[in-house]
PDB file of N, CA and C in Angstrom:
ATOM      1  N   MET A   1      -6.472  -6.464  -6.936  1.00  0.00           N
ATOM      2  CA  MET A   1      -7.969  -6.230  -7.086  1.00  0.00           C
ATOM      3  C   MET A   1      -8.660  -7.286  -6.259  1.00  0.00           C
ATOM      4  N   LEU A   2      -9.796  -6.910  -5.803  1.00  0.00           N
ATOM      5  CA  LEU A   2     -10.623  -7.840  -5.112  1.00  0.00           C
ATOM      6  C   LEU A   2     -11.303  -8.788  -6.150  1.00  0.00           C
ATOM      7  N   ARG A   3     -11.553  -9.952  -5.645  1.00  0.00           N
ATOM      8  CA  ARG A   3     -12.144 -10.918  -6.544  1.00  0.00           C
ATOM      9  C   ARG A   3     -13.438 -10.402  -7.303  1.00  0.00           C
ATOM     10  N   GLU A   4     -14.277  -9.732  -6.560  1.00  0.00           N
ATOM     11  CA  GLU A   4     -15.538  -9.252  -7.152  1.00  0.00           C
ATOM     12  C   GLU A   4     -15.271  -8.170  -8.265  1.00  0.00           C
ATOM     13  N   ASN A   5     -14.029  -7.593  -8.368  1.00  0.00           N
ATOM     14  CA  ASN A   5     -13.740  -6.569  -9.324  1.00  0.00           C
ATOM     15  C   ASN A   5     -12.776  -7.099 -10.452  1.00  0.00           C
ATOM     16  N   LEU A   6     -12.589  -8.366 -10.469  1.00  0.00           N
ATOM     17  CA  LEU A   6     -11.656  -8.944 -11.508  1.00  0.00           C
ATOM     18  C   LEU A   6     -12.115  -8.735 -12.902  1.00  0.00           C
ATOM     19  N   SER A   7     -13.347  -8.558 -13.101  1.00  0.00           N
ATOM     20  CA  SER A   7     -13.902  -8.302 -14.433  1.00  0.00           C
ATOM     21  C   SER A   7     -13.432  -6.976 -15.032  1.00  0.00           C
ATOM     22  N   ARG A   8     -12.869  -6.120 -14.210  1.00  0.00           N
ATOM     23  CA  ARG A   8     -12.321  -4.853 -14.721  1.00  0.00           C
ATOM     24  C   ARG A   8     -10.954  -5.015 -15.369  1.00  0.00           C
ATOM     25  N   LEU A   9     -10.353  -6.268 -15.251  1.00  0.00           N
ATOM     26  CA  LEU A   9      -9.034  -6.457 -15.813  1.00  0.00           C
ATOM     27  C   LEU A   9      -9.149  -6.979 -17.214  1.00  0.00           C
ATOM     28  N   THR A  10      -8.340  -6.435 -18.142  1.00  0.00           N
ATOM     29  CA  THR A  10      -8.219  -6.967 -19.438  1.00  0.00           C
ATOM     30  C   THR A  10      -6.797  -7.528 -19.562  1.00  0.00           C
ATOM     31  N   GLU A  11      -6.405  -7.982 -20.690  1.00  0.00           N
ATOM     32  CA  GLU A  11      -5.055  -8.519 -20.859  1.00  0.00           C
ATOM     33  C   GLU A  11      -3.984  -7.527 -20.616  1.00  0.00           C
ATOM     34  N   ASP A  12      -4.195  -6.246 -20.960  1.00  0.00           N
ATOM     35  CA  ASP A  12      -3.131  -5.231 -20.808  1.00  0.00           C
ATOM     36  C   ASP A  12      -3.500  -4.059 -19.865  1.00  0.00           C
ATOM     37  N   ARG A  13      -4.677  -4.045 -19.235  1.00  0.00           N
ATOM     38  CA  ARG A  13      -4.986  -2.875 -18.416  1.00  0.00           C
ATOM     39  C   ARG A  13      -6.191  -3.171 -17.484  1.00  0.00           C
ATOM     40  N   ALA A  14      -6.371  -2.254 -16.599  1.00  0.00           N
ATOM     41  CA  ALA A  14      -7.635  -2.299 -15.739  1.00  0.00           C
ATOM     42  C   ALA A  14      -8.500  -1.201 -16.185  1.00  0.00           C
ATOM     43  N   THR A  15      -9.811  -1.430 -16.172  1.00  0.00           N
ATOM     44  CA  THR A  15     -10.757  -0.435 -16.538  1.00  0.00           C
ATOM     45  C   THR A  15     -11.442   0.001 -15.251  1.00  0.00           C
ATOM     46  N   GLY A  16     -11.556   1.344 -15.054  1.00  0.00           N
ATOM     47  CA  GLY A  16     -12.098   1.838 -13.799  1.00  0.00           C
ATOM     48  C   GLY A  16     -11.086   1.750 -12.672  1.00  0.00           C
ATOM     49  N   ALA A  17     -11.452   2.227 -11.506  1.00  0.00           N
ATOM     50  CA  ALA A  17     -10.554   2.274 -10.397  1.00  0.00           C
ATOM     51  C   ALA A  17     -10.276   0.849  -9.823  1.00  0.00           C
ATOM     52  N   ILE A  18      -9.007   0.584  -9.659  1.00  0.00           N
ATOM     53  CA  ILE A  18      -8.649  -0.735  -9.020  1.00  0.00           C
ATOM     54  C   ILE A  18      -8.676  -0.502  -7.484  1.00  0.00           C
ATOM     55  N   ASP A  19      -8.546  -1.566  -6.782  1.00  0.00           N
ATOM     56  CA  ASP A  19      -8.761  -1.471  -5.306  1.00  0.00           C
ATOM     57  C   ASP A  19      -7.506  -1.002  -4.569  1.00  0.00           C
ATOM     58  N   VAL A  20      -6.314  -1.646  -4.884  1.00  0.00           N
ATOM     59  CA  VAL A  20      -5.123  -1.229  -4.188  1.00  0.00           C
ATOM     60  C   VAL A  20      -3.952  -1.045  -5.164  1.00  0.00           C
ATOM     61  N   VAL A  21      -3.141  -0.037  -4.939  1.00  0.00           N
ATOM     62  CA  VAL A  21      -1.940   0.148  -5.673  1.00  0.00           C
ATOM     63  C   VAL A  21      -0.786   0.192  -4.598  1.00  0.00           C
ATOM     64  N   ALA A  22       0.279  -0.546  -4.947  1.00  0.00           N
ATOM     65  CA  ALA A  22       1.569  -0.468  -4.134  1.00  0.00           C
ATOM     66  C   ALA A  22       2.595   0.118  -4.972  1.00  0.00           C
ATOM     67  N   GLU A  23       3.302   1.231  -4.559  1.00  0.00           N
ATOM     68  CA  GLU A  23       4.256   1.929  -5.296  1.00  0.00           C
ATOM     69  C   GLU A  23       5.565   1.875  -4.480  1.00  0.00           C
ATOM     70  N   VAL A  24       6.658   1.438  -5.125  1.00  0.00           N
ATOM     71  CA  VAL A  24       7.940   1.482  -4.483  1.00  0.00           C
ATOM     72  C   VAL A  24       8.725   2.651  -5.070  1.00  0.00           C
ATOM     73  N   ILE A  25       9.129   3.545  -4.229  1.00  0.00           N
ATOM     74  CA  ILE A  25       9.872   4.709  -4.673  1.00  0.00           C
ATOM     75  C   ILE A  25      11.246   4.384  -5.045  1.00  0.00           C
ATOM     76  N   SER A  26      11.791   4.897  -6.148  1.00  0.00           N
ATOM     77  CA  SER A  26      13.150   4.796  -6.571  1.00  0.00           C
ATOM     78  C   SER A  26      13.739   6.243  -6.568  1.00  0.00           C
ATOM     79  N   GLU A  27      15.049   6.290  -6.655  1.00  0.00           N
ATOM     80  CA  GLU A  27      15.689   7.619  -6.557  1.00  0.00           C
ATOM     81  C   GLU A  27      15.192   8.615  -7.674  1.00  0.00           C
ATOM     82  N   ASP A  28      14.835   8.028  -8.808  1.00  0.00           N
ATOM     83  CA  ASP A  28      14.364   8.949  -9.887  1.00  0.00           C
ATOM     84  C   ASP A  28      12.863   9.129  -9.920  1.00  0.00           C
ATOM     85  N   SER A  29      12.148   8.698  -8.964  1.00  0.00           N
ATOM     86  CA  SER A  29      10.744   8.725  -8.946  1.00  0.00           C
ATOM     87  C   SER A  29      10.069   9.280  -7.659  1.00  0.00           C
ATOM     88  N   VAL A  30      10.907   9.952  -6.800  1.00  0.00           N
ATOM     89  CA  VAL A  30      10.437  10.387  -5.512  1.00  0.00           C
ATOM     90  C   VAL A  30       9.216  11.345  -5.624  1.00  0.00           C
ATOM     91  N   HIS A  31       9.396  12.328  -6.376  1.00  0.00           N
ATOM     92  CA  HIS A  31       8.319  13.312  -6.558  1.00  0.00           C
ATOM     93  C   HIS A  31       7.108  12.733  -7.316  1.00  0.00           C
ATOM     94  N   ARG A  32       7.403  11.966  -8.363  1.00  0.00           N
ATOM     95  CA  ARG A  32       6.322  11.367  -9.146  1.00  0.00           C
ATOM     96  C   ARG A  32       5.463  10.422  -8.273  1.00  0.00           C
ATOM     97  N   ASP A  33       6.147   9.527  -7.512  1.00  0.00           N
ATOM     98  CA  ASP A  33       5.395   8.580  -6.683  1.00  0.00           C
ATOM     99  C   ASP A  33       4.698   9.215  -5.504  1.00  0.00           C
ATOM    100  N   SER A  34       5.432  10.070  -4.799  1.00  0.00           N
ATOM    101  CA  SER A  34       4.824  10.650  -3.617  1.00  0.00           C
ATOM    102  C   SER A  34       3.925  11.833  -3.790  1.00  0.00           C
ATOM    103  N   VAL A  35       3.922  12.514  -4.888  1.00  0.00           N
ATOM    104  CA  VAL A  35       3.066  13.694  -5.107  1.00  0.00           C
ATOM    105  C   VAL A  35       2.218  13.394  -6.363  1.00  0.00           C
ATOM    106  N   GLU A  36       2.816  13.344  -7.535  1.00  0.00           N
ATOM    107  CA  GLU A  36       1.980  13.230  -8.758  1.00  0.00           C
ATOM    108  C   GLU A  36       1.043  12.017  -8.719  1.00  0.00           C
ATOM    109  N   GLU A  37       1.615  10.796  -8.506  1.00  0.00           N
ATOM    110  CA  GLU A  37       0.779   9.612  -8.558  1.00  0.00           C
ATOM    111  C   GLU A  37      -0.153   9.579  -7.315  1.00  0.00           C
ATOM    112  N   PHE A  38       0.218  10.070  -6.183  1.00  0.00           N
ATOM    113  CA  PHE A  38      -0.607  10.182  -5.061  1.00  0.00           C
ATOM    114  C   PHE A  38      -1.869  10.872  -5.416  1.00  0.00           C
ATOM    115  N   LEU A  39      -1.727  12.053  -6.010  1.00  0.00           N
ATOM    116  CA  LEU A  39      -2.904  12.869  -6.391  1.00  0.00           C
ATOM    117  C   LEU A  39      -3.697  12.228  -7.541  1.00  0.00           C
ATOM    118  N   GLU A  40      -2.969  11.619  -8.503  1.00  0.00           N
ATOM    119  CA  GLU A  40      -3.708  10.936  -9.601  1.00  0.00           C
ATOM    120  C   GLU A  40      -4.572   9.790  -9.050  1.00  0.00           C
ATOM    121  N   TYR A  41      -3.959   8.938  -8.203  1.00  0.00           N
ATOM    122  CA  TYR A  41      -4.721   7.775  -7.629  1.00  0.00           C
ATOM    123  C   TYR A  41      -5.844   8.264  -6.789  1.00  0.00           C
ATOM    124  N   GLU A  42      -5.676   9.268  -6.029  1.00  0.00           N
ATOM    125  CA  GLU A  42      -6.703   9.841  -5.199  1.00  0.00           C
ATOM    126  C   GLU A  42      -7.879  10.260  -6.100  1.00  0.00           C
ATOM    127  N   ARG A  43      -7.570  11.049  -7.148  1.00  0.00           N
ATOM    128  CA  ARG A  43      -8.601  11.526  -8.092  1.00  0.00           C
ATOM    129  C   ARG A  43      -9.286  10.342  -8.818  1.00  0.00           C
ATOM    130  N   GLU A  44      -8.592   9.320  -9.118  1.00  0.00           N
ATOM    131  CA  GLU A  44      -9.129   8.225  -9.876  1.00  0.00           C
ATOM    132  C   GLU A  44      -9.956   7.276  -8.969  1.00  0.00           C
ATOM    133  N   GLY A  45      -9.864   7.444  -7.687  1.00  0.00           N
ATOM    134  CA  GLY A  45     -10.687   6.612  -6.778  1.00  0.00           C
ATOM    135  C   GLY A  45     -10.012   5.253  -6.336  1.00  0.00           C
ATOM    136  N   ILE A  46      -8.731   5.171  -6.435  1.00  0.00           N
ATOM    137  CA  ILE A  46      -8.038   3.989  -5.946  1.00  0.00           C
ATOM    138  C   ILE A  46      -8.291   3.917  -4.452  1.00  0.00           C
ATOM    139  N   ARG A  47      -8.846   2.889  -3.953  1.00  0.00           N
ATOM    140  CA  ARG A  47      -9.283   2.810  -2.570  1.00  0.00           C
ATOM    141  C   ARG A  47      -8.129   2.821  -1.584  1.00  0.00           C
ATOM    142  N   GLU A  48      -6.989   2.232  -1.919  1.00  0.00           N
ATOM    143  CA  GLU A  48      -5.890   2.179  -1.048  1.00  0.00           C
ATOM    144  C   GLU A  48      -4.583   2.297  -1.797  1.00  0.00           C
ATOM    145  N   TYR A  49      -3.624   3.108  -1.258  1.00  0.00           N
ATOM    146  CA  TYR A  49      -2.386   3.421  -1.874  1.00  0.00           C
ATOM    147  C   TYR A  49      -1.243   3.084  -0.835  1.00  0.00           C
ATOM    148  N   TRP A  50      -0.393   2.175  -1.241  1.00  0.00           N
ATOM    149  CA  TRP A  50       0.710   1.819  -0.341  1.00  0.00           C
ATOM    150  C   TRP A  50       1.964   2.405  -0.953  1.00  0.00           C
ATOM    151  N   LEU A  51       2.600   3.295  -0.212  1.00  0.00           N
ATOM    152  CA  LEU A  51       3.816   4.002  -0.657  1.00  0.00           C
ATOM    153  C   LEU A  51       4.989   3.395   0.161  1.00  0.00           C
ATOM    154  N   ILE A  52       5.822   2.625  -0.561  1.00  0.00           N
ATOM    155  CA  ILE A  52       6.911   1.989   0.076  1.00  0.00           C
ATOM    156  C   ILE A  52       8.229   2.678  -0.292  1.00  0.00           C
ATOM    157  N   ASP A  53       8.943   3.188   0.652  1.00  0.00           N
ATOM    158  CA  ASP A  53      10.163   3.968   0.355  1.00  0.00           C
ATOM    159  C   ASP A  53      11.401   3.179   0.961  1.00  0.00           C
ATOM    160  N   PRO A  54      12.161   2.652   0.077  1.00  0.00           N
ATOM    161  CA  PRO A  54      13.330   1.887   0.560  1.00  0.00           C
ATOM    162  C   PRO A  54      14.626   2.708   0.600  1.00  0.00           C
ATOM    163  N   LEU A  55      14.519   3.993   0.280  1.00  0.00           N
ATOM    164  CA  LEU A  55      15.725   4.782   0.128  1.00  0.00           C
ATOM    165  C   LEU A  55      16.343   5.076   1.532  1.00  0.00           C
ATOM    166  N   GLN A  56      17.625   5.085   1.559  1.00  0.00           N
ATOM    167  CA  GLN A  56      18.449   5.289   2.750  1.00  0.00           C
ATOM    168  C   GLN A  56      17.943   6.647   3.448  1.00  0.00           C
ATOM    169  N   GLY A  57      17.754   6.528   4.642  1.00  0.00           N
ATOM    170  CA  GLY A  57      17.194   7.723   5.424  1.00  0.00           C
ATOM    171  C   GLY A  57      15.705   7.946   5.425  1.00  0.00           C
ATOM    172  N   HIS A  58      15.047   7.130   4.632  1.00  0.00           N
ATOM    173  CA  HIS A  58      13.612   7.316   4.511  1.00  0.00           C
ATOM    174  C   HIS A  58      12.838   6.012   4.740  1.00  0.00           C
ATOM    175  N   LYS A  59      13.596   4.891   4.797  1.00  0.00           N
ATOM    176  CA  LYS A  59      12.966   3.638   4.748  1.00  0.00           C
ATOM    177  C   LYS A  59      11.641   3.518   5.553  1.00  0.00           C
ATOM    178  N   GLY A  60      10.615   2.972   4.894  1.00  0.00           N
ATOM    179  CA  GLY A  60       9.369   2.788   5.528  1.00  0.00           C
ATOM    180  C   GLY A  60       8.225   2.529   4.552  1.00  0.00           C
ATOM    181  N   ILE A  61       7.045   2.449   5.089  1.00  0.00           N
ATOM    182  CA  ILE A  61       5.872   2.258   4.355  1.00  0.00           C
ATOM    183  C   ILE A  61       4.774   3.110   4.919  1.00  0.00           C
ATOM    184  N   THR A  62       3.938   3.717   4.037  1.00  0.00           N
ATOM    185  CA  THR A  62       2.720   4.442   4.478  1.00  0.00           C
ATOM    186  C   THR A  62       1.594   3.904   3.672  1.00  0.00           C
ATOM    187  N   ILE A  63       0.503   3.591   4.346  1.00  0.00           N
ATOM    188  CA  ILE A  63      -0.658   3.142   3.615  1.00  0.00           C
ATOM    189  C   ILE A  63      -1.695   4.200   3.717  1.00  0.00           C
ATOM    190  N   PHE A  64      -2.286   4.654   2.597  1.00  0.00           N
ATOM    191  CA  PHE A  64      -3.323   5.633   2.550  1.00  0.00           C
ATOM    192  C   PHE A  64      -4.687   5.019   2.126  1.00  0.00           C
ATOM    193  N   SER A  65      -5.745   5.386   2.853  1.00  0.00           N
ATOM    194  CA  SER A  65      -7.043   4.878   2.585  1.00  0.00           C
ATOM    195  C   SER A  65      -7.871   6.037   2.049  1.00  0.00           C
ATOM    196  N   LEU A  66      -8.630   5.781   1.004  1.00  0.00           N
ATOM    197  CA  LEU A  66      -9.528   6.810   0.456  1.00  0.00           C
ATOM    198  C   LEU A  66     -10.769   6.965   1.241  1.00  0.00           C
ATOM    199  N   GLN A  67     -10.970   8.107   1.817  1.00  0.00           N
ATOM    200  CA  GLN A  67     -12.096   8.415   2.654  1.00  0.00           C
ATOM    201  C   GLN A  67     -12.795   9.777   2.116  1.00  0.00           C
ATOM    202  N   ASP A  68     -14.010   9.663   1.738  1.00  0.00           N
ATOM    203  CA  ASP A  68     -14.717  10.826   1.197  1.00  0.00           C
ATOM    204  C   ASP A  68     -13.872  11.551   0.153  1.00  0.00           C
ATOM    205  N   GLY A  69     -13.203  10.758  -0.743  1.00  0.00           N
ATOM    206  CA  GLY A  69     -12.495  11.424  -1.898  1.00  0.00           C
ATOM    207  C   GLY A  69     -11.137  11.864  -1.605  1.00  0.00           C
ATOM    208  N   SER A  70     -10.618  11.655  -0.353  1.00  0.00           N
ATOM    209  CA  SER A  70      -9.217  12.121  -0.006  1.00  0.00           C
ATOM    210  C   SER A  70      -8.492  11.001   0.732  1.00  0.00           C
ATOM    211  N   TYR A  71      -7.199  10.947   0.463  1.00  0.00           N
ATOM    212  CA  TYR A  71      -6.427   9.974   1.190  1.00  0.00           C
ATOM    213  C   TYR A  71      -6.125  10.364   2.647  1.00  0.00           C
ATOM    214  N   ILE A  72      -6.240   9.456   3.473  1.00  0.00           N
ATOM    215  CA  ILE A  72      -5.788   9.597   4.872  1.00  0.00           C
ATOM    216  C   ILE A  72      -4.938   8.468   5.257  1.00  0.00           C
ATOM    217  N   PRO A  73      -3.849   8.724   5.960  1.00  0.00           N
ATOM    218  CA  PRO A  73      -2.938   7.672   6.412  1.00  0.00           C
ATOM    219  C   PRO A  73      -3.589   6.686   7.302  1.00  0.00           C
ATOM    220  N   VAL A  74      -3.255   5.382   7.055  1.00  0.00           N
ATOM    221  CA  VAL A  74      -3.717   4.315   7.963  1.00  0.00           C
ATOM    222  C   VAL A  74      -2.700   4.147   9.066  1.00  0.00           C
ATOM    223  N   LEU A  75      -3.172   4.316  10.291  1.00  0.00           N
ATOM    224  CA  LEU A  75      -2.247   4.323  11.405  1.00  0.00           C
ATOM    225  C   LEU A  75      -2.054   2.836  11.884  1.00  0.00           C
ATOM    226  N   ALA A  76      -0.841   2.597  12.427  1.00  0.00           N
ATOM    227  CA  ALA A  76      -0.543   1.282  12.883  1.00  0.00           C
ATOM    228  C   ALA A  76      -1.337   1.079  14.212  1.00  0.00           C
ATOM    229  N   ASP A  77      -1.646  -0.176  14.417  1.00  0.00           N
ATOM    230  CA  ASP A  77      -2.365  -0.416  15.722  1.00  0.00           C
ATOM    231  C   ASP A  77      -1.345  -0.537  16.847  1.00  0.00           C
ATOM    232  N   GLU A  78      -1.784  -0.859  18.035  1.00  0.00           N
ATOM    233  CA  GLU A  78      -0.897  -0.896  19.212  1.00  0.00           C
ATOM    234  C   GLU A  78       0.176  -1.921  19.101  1.00  0.00           C
ATOM    235  N   GLU A  79       0.049  -2.914  18.272  1.00  0.00           N
ATOM    236  CA  GLU A  79       1.022  -3.924  18.054  1.00  0.00           C
ATOM    237  C   GLU A  79       1.917  -3.648  16.806  1.00  0.00           C
ATOM    238  N   GLY A  80       1.693  -2.495  16.176  1.00  0.00           N
ATOM    239  CA  GLY A  80       2.587  -2.127  15.049  1.00  0.00           C
ATOM    240  C   GLY A  80       2.067  -2.647  13.708  1.00  0.00           C
ATOM    241  N   TRP A  81       0.867  -3.177  13.646  1.00  0.00           N
ATOM    242  CA  TRP A  81       0.340  -3.676  12.391  1.00  0.00           C
ATOM    243  C   TRP A  81      -0.340  -2.560  11.628  1.00  0.00           C
ATOM    244  N   LEU A  82      -0.085  -2.535  10.315  1.00  0.00           N
ATOM    245  CA  LEU A  82      -0.830  -1.684   9.358  1.00  0.00           C
ATOM    246  C   LEU A  82      -1.892  -2.568   8.714  1.00  0.00           C
ATOM    247  N   ASN A  83      -3.123  -2.348   9.047  1.00  0.00           N
ATOM    248  CA  ASN A  83      -4.241  -3.192   8.528  1.00  0.00           C
ATOM    249  C   ASN A  83      -4.819  -2.653   7.308  1.00  0.00           C
ATOM    250  N   SER A  84      -4.898  -3.380   6.294  1.00  0.00           N
ATOM    251  CA  SER A  84      -5.499  -2.886   5.033  1.00  0.00           C
ATOM    252  C   SER A  84      -6.998  -2.614   5.296  1.00  0.00           C
ATOM    253  N   THR A  85      -7.458  -1.483   4.759  1.00  0.00           N
ATOM    254  CA  THR A  85      -8.927  -1.183   4.833  1.00  0.00           C
ATOM    255  C   THR A  85      -9.681  -1.781   3.688  1.00  0.00           C
ATOM    256  N   VAL A  86      -8.951  -2.420   2.757  1.00  0.00           N
ATOM    257  CA  VAL A  86      -9.616  -2.925   1.547  1.00  0.00           C
ATOM    258  C   VAL A  86      -9.477  -4.489   1.437  1.00  0.00           C
ATOM    259  N   LEU A  87      -8.284  -4.956   1.726  1.00  0.00           N
ATOM    260  CA  LEU A  87      -8.039  -6.398   1.599  1.00  0.00           C
ATOM    261  C   LEU A  87      -8.329  -7.084   2.970  1.00  0.00           C
ATOM    262  N   PRO A  88      -9.354  -7.914   2.975  1.00  0.00           N
ATOM    263  CA  PRO A  88      -9.746  -8.479   4.234  1.00  0.00           C
ATOM    264  C   PRO A  88      -8.589  -9.303   4.889  1.00  0.00           C
ATOM    265  N   ARG A  89      -8.455  -9.052   6.169  1.00  0.00           N
ATOM    266  CA  ARG A  89      -7.448  -9.781   7.014  1.00  0.00           C
ATOM    267  C   ARG A  89      -5.976  -9.614   6.529  1.00  0.00           C
ATOM    268  N   PHE A  90      -5.710  -8.619   5.704  1.00  0.00           N
ATOM    269  CA  PHE A  90      -4.313  -8.427   5.271  1.00  0.00           C
ATOM    270  C   PHE A  90      -3.652  -7.371   6.067  1.00  0.00           C
ATOM    271  N   ARG A  91      -2.502  -7.609   6.583  1.00  0.00           N
ATOM    272  CA  ARG A  91      -1.832  -6.668   7.420  1.00  0.00           C
ATOM    273  C   ARG A  91      -0.273  -6.783   7.238  1.00  0.00           C
ATOM    274  N   LEU A  92       0.394  -5.732   7.525  1.00  0.00           N
ATOM    275  CA  LEU A  92       1.834  -5.645   7.387  1.00  0.00           C
ATOM    276  C   LEU A  92       2.418  -4.964   8.683  1.00  0.00           C
ATOM    277  N   LYS A  93       3.592  -5.359   8.982  1.00  0.00           N
ATOM    278  CA  LYS A  93       4.351  -4.725  10.161  1.00  0.00           C
ATOM    279  C   LYS A  93       5.126  -3.535   9.564  1.00  0.00           C
ATOM    280  N   ARG A  94       5.006  -2.322  10.073  1.00  0.00           N
ATOM    281  CA  ARG A  94       5.723  -1.188   9.604  1.00  0.00           C
ATOM    282  C   ARG A  94       7.226  -1.449   9.765  1.00  0.00           C
ATOM    283  N   GLU A  95       7.614  -2.112  10.862  1.00  0.00           N
ATOM    284  CA  GLU A  95       9.084  -2.364  11.075  1.00  0.00           C
ATOM    285  C   GLU A  95       9.705  -3.230   9.975  1.00  0.00           C
ATOM    286  N   TRP A  96       8.928  -4.010   9.244  1.00  0.00           N
ATOM    287  CA  TRP A  96       9.478  -4.832   8.228  1.00  0.00           C
ATOM    288  C   TRP A  96      10.102  -3.965   7.070  1.00  0.00           C
ATOM    289  N   PHE A  97       9.667  -2.757   6.949  1.00  0.00           N
ATOM    290  CA  PHE A  97      10.026  -1.864   5.869  1.00  0.00           C
ATOM    291  C   PHE A  97      11.117  -0.845   6.298  1.00  0.00           C
ATOM    292  N   THR A  98      11.473  -0.849   7.570  1.00  0.00           N
ATOM    293  CA  THR A  98      12.461   0.130   8.018  1.00  0.00           C
ATOM    294  C   THR A  98      13.855  -0.389   8.158  1.00  0.00           C
ATOM    295  N   GLY A  99      13.906  -1.671   7.984  1.00  0.00           N
ATOM    296  CA  GLY A  99      15.294  -2.304   8.096  1.00  0.00           C
ATOM    297  C   GLY A  99      15.661  -2.679   9.522  1.00  0.00           C
ATOM    298  N   GLU A 100      14.749  -2.250  10.470  1.00  0.00           N
ATOM    299  CA  GLU A 100      15.020  -2.538  11.932  1.00  0.00           C
ATOM    300  C   GLU A 100      14.810  -3.962  12.210  1.00  0.00           C
ATOM    301  N   HIS A 101      13.839  -4.642  11.561  1.00  0.00           N
ATOM    302  CA  HIS A 101      13.532  -6.015  11.928  1.00  0.00           C
ATOM    303  C   HIS A 101      13.122  -6.732  10.566  1.00  0.00           C
ATOM    304  N   LEU A 102      13.992  -7.541  10.032  1.00  0.00           N
ATOM    305  CA  LEU A 102      13.632  -8.268   8.800  1.00  0.00           C
ATOM    306  C   LEU A 102      13.335  -9.663   9.206  1.00  0.00           C
ATOM    307  N   PRO A 103      12.038 -10.018   9.124  1.00  0.00           N
ATOM    308  CA  PRO A 103      11.566 -11.306   9.525  1.00  0.00           C
ATOM    309  C   PRO A 103      11.944 -12.399   8.520  1.00  0.00           C
ATOM    310  N   ASP A 104      11.994 -13.621   9.026  1.00  0.00           N
ATOM    311  CA  ASP A 104      12.048 -14.729   8.161  1.00  0.00           C
ATOM    312  C   ASP A 104      10.738 -14.788   7.339  1.00  0.00           C
ATOM    313  N   PRO A 105      10.751 -14.915   5.948  1.00  0.00           N
ATOM    314  CA  PRO A 105       9.554 -14.853   5.156  1.00  0.00           C
ATOM    315  C   PRO A 105       8.421 -15.807   5.614  1.00  0.00           C
ATOM    316  N   ARG A 106       8.762 -16.954   5.996  1.00  0.00           N
ATOM    317  CA  ARG A 106       7.728 -17.930   6.403  1.00  0.00           C
ATOM    318  C   ARG A 106       7.040 -17.438   7.733  1.00  0.00           C
ATOM    319  N   THR A 107       7.829 -16.925   8.603  1.00  0.00           N
ATOM    320  CA  THR A 107       7.310 -16.442   9.868  1.00  0.00           C
ATOM    321  C   THR A 107       6.408 -15.215   9.585  1.00  0.00           C
ATOM    322  N   ALA A 108       6.942 -14.309   8.712  1.00  0.00           N
ATOM    323  CA  ALA A 108       6.134 -13.112   8.351  1.00  0.00           C
ATOM    324  C   ALA A 108       4.787 -13.534   7.801  1.00  0.00           C
ATOM    325  N   TRP A 109       4.795 -14.457   6.842  1.00  0.00           N
ATOM    326  CA  TRP A 109       3.551 -14.915   6.213  1.00  0.00           C
ATOM    327  C   TRP A 109       2.584 -15.494   7.165  1.00  0.00           C
ATOM    328  N   GLN A 110       3.109 -16.210   8.146  1.00  0.00           N
ATOM    329  CA  GLN A 110       2.248 -16.790   9.238  1.00  0.00           C
ATOM    330  C   GLN A 110       1.604 -15.613  10.054  1.00  0.00           C
ATOM    331  N   GLU A 111       2.480 -14.647  10.385  1.00  0.00           N
ATOM    332  CA  GLU A 111       1.990 -13.501  11.093  1.00  0.00           C
ATOM    333  C   GLU A 111       0.939 -12.718  10.371  1.00  0.00           C
ATOM    334  N   VAL A 112       1.197 -12.487   9.064  1.00  0.00           N
ATOM    335  CA  VAL A 112       0.204 -11.757   8.278  1.00  0.00           C
ATOM    336  C   VAL A 112      -1.118 -12.431   8.266  1.00  0.00           C
ATOM    337  N   ARG A 113      -1.131 -13.776   8.100  1.00  0.00           N
ATOM    338  CA  ARG A 113      -2.360 -14.487   8.123  1.00  0.00           C
ATOM    339  C   ARG A 113      -3.029 -14.607   9.427  1.00  0.00           C
ATOM    340  N   GLY A 114      -2.288 -14.247  10.532  1.00  0.00           N
ATOM    341  CA  GLY A 114      -2.910 -14.287  11.855  1.00  0.00           C
ATOM    342  C   GLY A 114      -2.984 -15.723  12.334  1.00  0.00           C
TER     343      GLY A 114
END
């Protein structure tokens, strides 16, 4: 959640729409995460939904941004960065999630921060 929305958090839940949800698909949750929860988060007004799929043959990440009540995919820029539409200056490289290029964590953090 963004700092200005932290008042929506209680000890055990968030009240109202939170800003960003990241979901990691597991073998027993493919349909739930990619269809049911996608539609639920869209309906609830979650501003950004990150769907991370680590399963063999699917590896990757898709970021969806809520625009006029519907999710649209966030496209990578010309350098391969997926830029959050909600979290200022936060970005991820799509290739980090495909298994093609696993960066050193310190290097990745420096790159994320720009």
